[in-house]
Amino acid sequence: MCEFSNICGLTGDGVLSFMHCLIVEAEERRTNLRLREEQDAAYRAALEADQARERQREEEGERLEREAAEA
């Protein structure tokens, strides 16, 4: 990880190296954020699908109970 306190006293190539380090760290943060967002979206989609299946099961059970009671 780049240390901001180290920028004092850097010249030329040192500043470029420090800036490169900052850019790489920012790219890593963006990549990690994007991965987290993708994982969250996949989790939400799976959760919604599970909830929909559970609702269907419950509705089917209620329908079968009504039909049995009517018979």
Protein backbone atom coordinates (compact mmCIF):
# COMPACT_ATOMS: atom_id res chain seq x y z
CA MET A 1 0.00 0.00 0.00
CA CYS A 2 1.30 3.48 -0.81
CA GLU A 3 2.03 5.73 2.12
CA PHE A 4 0.85 9.31 1.63
CA SER A 5 3.45 10.51 4.13
CA ASN A 6 6.20 9.28 1.82
CA ILE A 7 5.34 11.71 -0.97
CA CYS A 8 7.27 14.48 0.77
CA GLY A 9 10.81 14.41 -0.53
CA LEU A 10 10.01 12.41 -3.68
CA THR A 11 11.11 13.77 -7.02
CA GLY A 12 10.90 12.62 -10.62
CA ASP A 13 10.62 8.86 -10.86
CA GLY A 14 9.69 8.57 -7.20
CA VAL A 15 6.60 10.72 -7.71
CA LEU A 16 5.66 8.73 -10.82
CA SER A 17 6.07 5.48 -8.92
CA PHE A 18 3.95 6.82 -6.06
CA MET A 19 1.25 7.98 -8.46
CA HIS A 20 1.30 4.58 -10.20
CA CYS A 21 0.85 2.92 -6.82
CA LEU A 22 -2.16 5.15 -6.06
CA ILE A 23 -3.71 4.34 -9.43
CA VAL A 24 -3.22 0.60 -8.94
CA GLU A 25 -4.80 0.78 -5.48
CA ALA A 26 -7.77 2.73 -6.84
CA GLU A 27 -8.25 0.13 -9.59
CA GLU A 28 -8.15 -2.66 -6.99
CA ARG A 29 -10.78 -0.86 -4.90
CA ARG A 30 -13.02 -0.42 -7.96
CA THR A 31 -12.59 -4.09 -8.88
CA ASN A 32 -13.42 -5.20 -5.33
CA LEU A 33 -16.45 -2.92 -5.24
CA ARG A 34 -17.70 -4.21 -8.59
CA LEU A 35 -17.24 -7.81 -7.41
CA ARG A 36 -19.17 -7.11 -4.19
CA GLU A 37 -21.97 -5.46 -6.18
CA GLU A 38 -22.16 -8.44 -8.55
CA GLN A 39 -22.22 -10.88 -5.63
CA ASP A 40 -24.93 -8.84 -3.88
CA ALA A 41 -27.04 -8.78 -7.04
CA ALA A 42 -26.66 -12.54 -7.50
CA TYR A 43 -27.60 -13.11 -3.85
CA ARG A 44 -30.69 -10.89 -4.15
CA ALA A 45 -31.77 -12.68 -7.34
CA ALA A 46 -31.36 -16.10 -5.70
CA LEU A 47 -33.21 -14.92 -2.59
CA GLU A 48 -36.11 -13.59 -4.67
CA ALA A 49 -36.28 -16.86 -6.63
CA ASP A 50 -36.30 -18.86 -3.37
CA GLN A 51 -39.05 -16.66 -1.96
CA ALA A 52 -41.12 -17.05 -5.13
CA ARG A 53 -40.75 -20.85 -4.99
CA GLU A 54 -41.76 -20.84 -1.33
CA ARG A 55 -44.85 -18.73 -2.10
CA GLN A 56 -45.79 -21.17 -4.87
CA ARG A 57 -45.41 -24.12 -2.50
CA GLU A 58 -47.56 -22.42 0.11
CA GLU A 59 -50.23 -21.49 -2.43
CA GLU A 60 -50.25 -25.04 -3.80
CA GLY A 61 -50.58 -26.43 -0.27
CA GLU A 62 -53.46 -24.07 0.48
CA ARG A 63 -55.16 -25.02 -2.79
CA LEU A 64 -54.82 -28.73 -2.01
CA GLU A 65 -56.23 -28.18 1.50
CA ARG A 66 -59.22 -26.29 0.07
CA GLU A 67 -59.87 -29.01 -2.47
CA ALA A 68 -59.64 -31.71 0.21
CA ALA A 69 -62.04 -29.78 2.45
CA GLU A 70 -64.51 -29.34 -0.41
CA ALA A 71 -64.41 -33.02 -1.36
